[in-house]
Amino acid sequence: MEKLTFEQALMKLEEVVKKLENKQIPLDEAVKLYNEGLELSKVCYELLKEAETLIVNTEE
């Protein structure tokens, strides 16, 4: 997955969620989207942890 900003990853994650909410998508596509969503959520989490670390280190 290419390097994304937090905002880009979150926007893509929101798009994936909207697609998954469509109950008409085939199972194989839903599984693919689910896995993509997991990866995007990991990216968001890691970027938030990095930001938290920067803030904590700045406060010290």
PDB file of N, CA and C in Angstrom:
ATOM      1  N   MET A   1       0.856  -1.178   0.000  1.00  0.00           N
ATOM      2  CA  MET A   1       0.000   0.000   0.000  1.00  0.00           C
ATOM      3  C   MET A   1       0.898   1.235   0.000  1.00  0.00           C
ATOM      4  N   GLU A   2       0.565   2.207  -0.846  1.00  0.00           N
ATOM      5  CA  GLU A   2       1.377   3.415  -0.924  1.00  0.00           C
ATOM      6  C   GLU A   2       1.288   4.209   0.370  1.00  0.00           C
ATOM      7  N   LYS A   3       2.279   5.064   0.592  1.00  0.00           N
ATOM      8  CA  LYS A   3       2.307   5.891   1.808  1.00  0.00           C
ATOM      9  C   LYS A   3       1.188   6.918   1.734  1.00  0.00           C
ATOM     10  N   LEU A   4       0.296   6.866   2.692  1.00  0.00           N
ATOM     11  CA  LEU A   4      -0.853   7.762   2.734  1.00  0.00           C
ATOM     12  C   LEU A   4      -0.766   8.656   3.955  1.00  0.00           C
ATOM     13  N   THR A   5      -1.363   9.834   3.839  1.00  0.00           N
ATOM     14  CA  THR A   5      -1.540  10.659   5.025  1.00  0.00           C
ATOM     15  C   THR A   5      -2.705  10.068   5.809  1.00  0.00           C
ATOM     16  N   PHE A   6      -2.852  10.515   7.048  1.00  0.00           N
ATOM     17  CA  PHE A   6      -3.972  10.047   7.855  1.00  0.00           C
ATOM     18  C   PHE A   6      -5.294  10.364   7.167  1.00  0.00           C
ATOM     19  N   GLU A   7      -5.406  11.586   6.663  1.00  0.00           N
ATOM     20  CA  GLU A   7      -6.654  12.019   6.029  1.00  0.00           C
ATOM     21  C   GLU A   7      -6.975  11.187   4.785  1.00  0.00           C
ATOM     22  N   GLN A   8      -5.949  10.869   3.993  1.00  0.00           N
ATOM     23  CA  GLN A   8      -6.160  10.043   2.800  1.00  0.00           C
ATOM     24  C   GLN A   8      -6.609   8.637   3.184  1.00  0.00           C
ATOM     25  N   ALA A   9      -5.945   8.060   4.170  1.00  0.00           N
ATOM     26  CA  ALA A   9      -6.295   6.705   4.606  1.00  0.00           C
ATOM     27  C   ALA A   9      -7.706   6.670   5.173  1.00  0.00           C
ATOM     28  N   LEU A  10      -8.058   7.682   5.951  1.00  0.00           N
ATOM     29  CA  LEU A  10      -9.395   7.731   6.536  1.00  0.00           C
ATOM     30  C   LEU A  10     -10.461   7.882   5.453  1.00  0.00           C
ATOM     31  N   MET A  11     -10.188   8.709   4.452  1.00  0.00           N
ATOM     32  CA  MET A  11     -11.146   8.896   3.366  1.00  0.00           C
ATOM     33  C   MET A  11     -11.346   7.588   2.590  1.00  0.00           C
ATOM     34  N   LYS A  12     -10.239   6.891   2.315  1.00  0.00           N
ATOM     35  CA  LYS A  12     -10.346   5.611   1.611  1.00  0.00           C
ATOM     36  C   LYS A  12     -11.095   4.585   2.463  1.00  0.00           C
ATOM     37  N   LEU A  13     -10.845   4.596   3.760  1.00  0.00           N
ATOM     38  CA  LEU A  13     -11.544   3.678   4.661  1.00  0.00           C
ATOM     39  C   LEU A  13     -13.043   3.959   4.658  1.00  0.00           C
ATOM     40  N   GLU A  14     -13.410   5.224   4.672  1.00  0.00           N
ATOM     41  CA  GLU A  14     -14.831   5.585   4.620  1.00  0.00           C
ATOM     42  C   GLU A  14     -15.469   5.118   3.310  1.00  0.00           C
ATOM     43  N   GLU A  15     -14.725   5.203   2.201  1.00  0.00           N
ATOM     44  CA  GLU A  15     -15.237   4.720   0.915  1.00  0.00           C
ATOM     45  C   GLU A  15     -15.461   3.209   0.957  1.00  0.00           C
ATOM     46  N   VAL A  16     -14.529   2.489   1.557  1.00  0.00           N
ATOM     47  CA  VAL A  16     -14.651   1.032   1.678  1.00  0.00           C
ATOM     48  C   VAL A  16     -15.888   0.681   2.503  1.00  0.00           C
ATOM     49  N   VAL A  17     -16.082   1.380   3.604  1.00  0.00           N
ATOM     50  CA  VAL A  17     -17.242   1.114   4.467  1.00  0.00           C
ATOM     51  C   VAL A  17     -18.539   1.343   3.697  1.00  0.00           C
ATOM     52  N   LYS A  18     -18.606   2.424   2.937  1.00  0.00           N
ATOM     53  CA  LYS A  18     -19.815   2.698   2.146  1.00  0.00           C
ATOM     54  C   LYS A  18     -20.081   1.573   1.151  1.00  0.00           C
ATOM     55  N   LYS A  19     -19.020   1.083   0.510  1.00  0.00           N
ATOM     56  CA  LYS A  19     -19.187  -0.015  -0.448  1.00  0.00           C
ATOM     57  C   LYS A  19     -19.668  -1.283   0.260  1.00  0.00           C
ATOM     58  N   LEU A  20     -19.128  -1.539   1.446  1.00  0.00           N
ATOM     59  CA  LEU A  20     -19.529  -2.737   2.193  1.00  0.00           C
ATOM     60  C   LEU A  20     -20.967  -2.656   2.690  1.00  0.00           C
ATOM     61  N   GLU A  21     -21.465  -1.457   2.883  1.00  0.00           N
ATOM     62  CA  GLU A  21     -22.851  -1.297   3.328  1.00  0.00           C
ATOM     63  C   GLU A  21     -23.847  -1.671   2.233  1.00  0.00           C
ATOM     64  N   ASN A  22     -23.384  -1.734   0.988  1.00  0.00           N
ATOM     65  CA  ASN A  22     -24.229  -2.154  -0.126  1.00  0.00           C
ATOM     66  C   ASN A  22     -24.369  -3.674  -0.068  1.00  0.00           C
ATOM     67  N   LYS A  23     -25.538  -4.133   0.241  1.00  0.00           N
ATOM     68  CA  LYS A  23     -25.753  -5.573   0.419  1.00  0.00           C
ATOM     69  C   LYS A  23     -25.799  -6.342  -0.903  1.00  0.00           C
ATOM     70  N   GLN A  24     -25.662  -5.649  -2.014  1.00  0.00           N
ATOM     71  CA  GLN A  24     -25.738  -6.301  -3.316  1.00  0.00           C
ATOM     72  C   GLN A  24     -24.371  -6.723  -3.866  1.00  0.00           C
ATOM     73  N   ILE A  25     -23.287  -6.428  -3.156  1.00  0.00           N
ATOM     74  CA  ILE A  25     -21.973  -6.780  -3.695  1.00  0.00           C
ATOM     75  C   ILE A  25     -21.705  -8.274  -3.497  1.00  0.00           C
ATOM     76  N   PRO A  26     -20.992  -8.873  -4.446  1.00  0.00           N
ATOM     77  CA  PRO A  26     -20.669 -10.300  -4.335  1.00  0.00           C
ATOM     78  C   PRO A  26     -19.749 -10.569  -3.135  1.00  0.00           C
ATOM     79  N   LEU A  27     -19.821 -11.770  -2.620  1.00  0.00           N
ATOM     80  CA  LEU A  27     -19.050 -12.152  -1.443  1.00  0.00           C
ATOM     81  C   LEU A  27     -17.553 -11.952  -1.653  1.00  0.00           C
ATOM     82  N   ASP A  28     -17.026 -12.366  -2.805  1.00  0.00           N
ATOM     83  CA  ASP A  28     -15.584 -12.234  -3.026  1.00  0.00           C
ATOM     84  C   ASP A  28     -15.142 -10.771  -3.010  1.00  0.00           C
ATOM     85  N   GLU A  29     -15.972  -9.887  -3.538  1.00  0.00           N
ATOM     86  CA  GLU A  29     -15.647  -8.461  -3.503  1.00  0.00           C
ATOM     87  C   GLU A  29     -15.747  -7.927  -2.073  1.00  0.00           C
ATOM     88  N   ALA A  30     -16.730  -8.406  -1.318  1.00  0.00           N
ATOM     89  CA  ALA A  30     -16.887  -7.978   0.073  1.00  0.00           C
ATOM     90  C   ALA A  30     -15.673  -8.388   0.902  1.00  0.00           C
ATOM     91  N   VAL A  31     -15.171  -9.588   0.674  1.00  0.00           N
ATOM     92  CA  VAL A  31     -13.989 -10.059   1.405  1.00  0.00           C
ATOM     93  C   VAL A  31     -12.777  -9.206   1.044  1.00  0.00           C
ATOM     94  N   LYS A  32     -12.628  -8.910  -0.238  1.00  0.00           N
ATOM     95  CA  LYS A  32     -11.523  -8.059  -0.695  1.00  0.00           C
ATOM     96  C   LYS A  32     -11.612  -6.682  -0.044  1.00  0.00           C
ATOM     97  N   LEU A  33     -12.798  -6.108  -0.038  1.00  0.00           N
ATOM     98  CA  LEU A  33     -12.995  -4.792   0.570  1.00  0.00           C
ATOM     99  C   LEU A  33     -12.740  -4.835   2.072  1.00  0.00           C
ATOM    100  N   TYR A  34     -13.175  -5.897   2.716  1.00  0.00           N
ATOM    101  CA  TYR A  34     -12.951  -6.053   4.155  1.00  0.00           C
ATOM    102  C   TYR A  34     -11.456  -6.043   4.471  1.00  0.00           C
ATOM    103  N   ASN A  35     -10.690  -6.812   3.705  1.00  0.00           N
ATOM    104  CA  ASN A  35      -9.241  -6.862   3.914  1.00  0.00           C
ATOM    105  C   ASN A  35      -8.594  -5.504   3.647  1.00  0.00           C
ATOM    106  N   GLU A  36      -9.064  -4.819   2.612  1.00  0.00           N
ATOM    107  CA  GLU A  36      -8.563  -3.479   2.319  1.00  0.00           C
ATOM    108  C   GLU A  36      -8.870  -2.538   3.486  1.00  0.00           C
ATOM    109  N   GLY A  37     -10.069  -2.653   4.029  1.00  0.00           N
ATOM    110  CA  GLY A  37     -10.453  -1.838   5.174  1.00  0.00           C
ATOM    111  C   GLY A  37      -9.585  -2.108   6.392  1.00  0.00           C
ATOM    112  N   LEU A  38      -9.263  -3.375   6.621  1.00  0.00           N
ATOM    113  CA  LEU A  38      -8.376  -3.720   7.738  1.00  0.00           C
ATOM    114  C   LEU A  38      -7.013  -3.061   7.581  1.00  0.00           C
ATOM    115  N   GLU A  39      -6.464  -3.135   6.373  1.00  0.00           N
ATOM    116  CA  GLU A  39      -5.163  -2.517   6.119  1.00  0.00           C
ATOM    117  C   GLU A  39      -5.220  -1.009   6.326  1.00  0.00           C
ATOM    118  N   LEU A  40      -6.276  -0.387   5.842  1.00  0.00           N
ATOM    119  CA  LEU A  40      -6.424   1.061   6.002  1.00  0.00           C
ATOM    120  C   LEU A  40      -6.590   1.442   7.469  1.00  0.00           C
ATOM    121  N   SER A  41      -7.317   0.625   8.219  1.00  0.00           N
ATOM    122  CA  SER A  41      -7.479   0.928   9.646  1.00  0.00           C
ATOM    123  C   SER A  41      -6.144   0.798  10.377  1.00  0.00           C
ATOM    124  N   LYS A  42      -5.307  -0.146   9.961  1.00  0.00           N
ATOM    125  CA  LYS A  42      -3.975  -0.285  10.553  1.00  0.00           C
ATOM    126  C   LYS A  42      -3.127   0.945  10.247  1.00  0.00           C
ATOM    127  N   VAL A  43      -3.219   1.435   9.013  1.00  0.00           N
ATOM    128  CA  VAL A  43      -2.484   2.644   8.627  1.00  0.00           C
ATOM    129  C   VAL A  43      -2.925   3.812   9.499  1.00  0.00           C
ATOM    130  N   CYS A  44      -4.232   3.992   9.642  1.00  0.00           N
ATOM    131  CA  CYS A  44      -4.757   5.081  10.475  1.00  0.00           C
ATOM    132  C   CYS A  44      -4.263   4.945  11.911  1.00  0.00           C
ATOM    133  N   TYR A  45      -4.314   3.748  12.450  1.00  0.00           N
ATOM    134  CA  TYR A  45      -3.881   3.509  13.826  1.00  0.00           C
ATOM    135  C   TYR A  45      -2.406   3.866  14.003  1.00  0.00           C
ATOM    136  N   GLU A  46      -1.569   3.400  13.086  1.00  0.00           N
ATOM    137  CA  GLU A  46      -0.134   3.671  13.187  1.00  0.00           C
ATOM    138  C   GLU A  46       0.154   5.166  13.089  1.00  0.00           C
ATOM    139  N   LEU A  47      -0.535   5.858  12.197  1.00  0.00           N
ATOM    140  CA  LEU A  47      -0.327   7.299  12.060  1.00  0.00           C
ATOM    141  C   LEU A  47      -0.779   8.041  13.316  1.00  0.00           C
ATOM    142  N   LEU A  48      -1.864   7.600  13.923  1.00  0.00           N
ATOM    143  CA  LEU A  48      -2.312   8.209  15.174  1.00  0.00           C
ATOM    144  C   LEU A  48      -1.316   7.950  16.305  1.00  0.00           C
ATOM    145  N   LYS A  49      -0.770   6.740  16.361  1.00  0.00           N
ATOM    146  CA  LYS A  49       0.228   6.423  17.386  1.00  0.00           C
ATOM    147  C   LYS A  49       1.481   7.278  17.203  1.00  0.00           C
ATOM    148  N   GLU A  50       1.900   7.486  15.948  1.00  0.00           N
ATOM    149  CA  GLU A  50       3.056   8.343  15.677  1.00  0.00           C
ATOM    150  C   GLU A  50       2.782   9.767  16.148  1.00  0.00           C
ATOM    151  N   ALA A  51       1.596  10.274  15.857  1.00  0.00           N
ATOM    152  CA  ALA A  51       1.230  11.627  16.274  1.00  0.00           C
ATOM    153  C   ALA A  51       1.211  11.724  17.795  1.00  0.00           C
ATOM    154  N   GLU A  52       0.662  10.713  18.449  1.00  0.00           N
ATOM    155  CA  GLU A  52       0.616  10.704  19.908  1.00  0.00           C
ATOM    156  C   GLU A  52       2.029  10.731  20.492  1.00  0.00           C
ATOM    157  N   THR A  53       2.920   9.931  19.927  1.00  0.00           N
ATOM    158  CA  THR A  53       4.302   9.889  20.394  1.00  0.00           C
ATOM    159  C   THR A  53       4.969  11.249  20.238  1.00  0.00           C
ATOM    160  N   LEU A  54       4.757  11.890  19.101  1.00  0.00           N
ATOM    161  CA  LEU A  54       5.325  13.223  18.883  1.00  0.00           C
ATOM    162  C   LEU A  54       4.808  14.220  19.911  1.00  0.00           C
ATOM    163  N   ILE A  55       3.522  14.160  20.196  1.00  0.00           N
ATOM    164  CA  ILE A  55       2.925  15.088  21.164  1.00  0.00           C
ATOM    165  C   ILE A  55       3.474  14.837  22.562  1.00  0.00           C
ATOM    166  N   VAL A  56       3.532  13.582  22.959  1.00  0.00           N
ATOM    167  CA  VAL A  56       4.037  13.236  24.289  1.00  0.00           C
ATOM    168  C   VAL A  56       5.499  13.665  24.425  1.00  0.00           C
ATOM    169  N   ASN A  57       6.303  13.404  23.401  1.00  0.00           N
ATOM    170  CA  ASN A  57       7.718  13.773  23.451  1.00  0.00           C
ATOM    171  C   ASN A  57       7.900  15.282  23.470  1.00  0.00           C
ATOM    172  N   THR A  58       7.024  16.008  22.817  1.00  0.00           N
ATOM    173  CA  THR A  58       7.098  17.466  22.798  1.00  0.00           C
ATOM    174  C   THR A  58       6.761  18.041  24.165  1.00  0.00           C
ATOM    175  N   GLU A  59       5.841  17.400  24.866  1.00  0.00           N
ATOM    176  CA  GLU A  59       5.413  17.881  26.177  1.00  0.00           C
ATOM    177  C   GLU A  59       6.449  17.634  27.264  1.00  0.00           C
ATOM    178  N   GLU A  60       7.380  16.730  27.032  1.00  0.00           N
ATOM    179  CA  GLU A  60       8.373  16.375  28.065  1.00  0.00           C
ATOM    180  C   GLU A  60       9.478  17.384  28.161  1.00  0.00           C
TER     181      GLU A  60
END
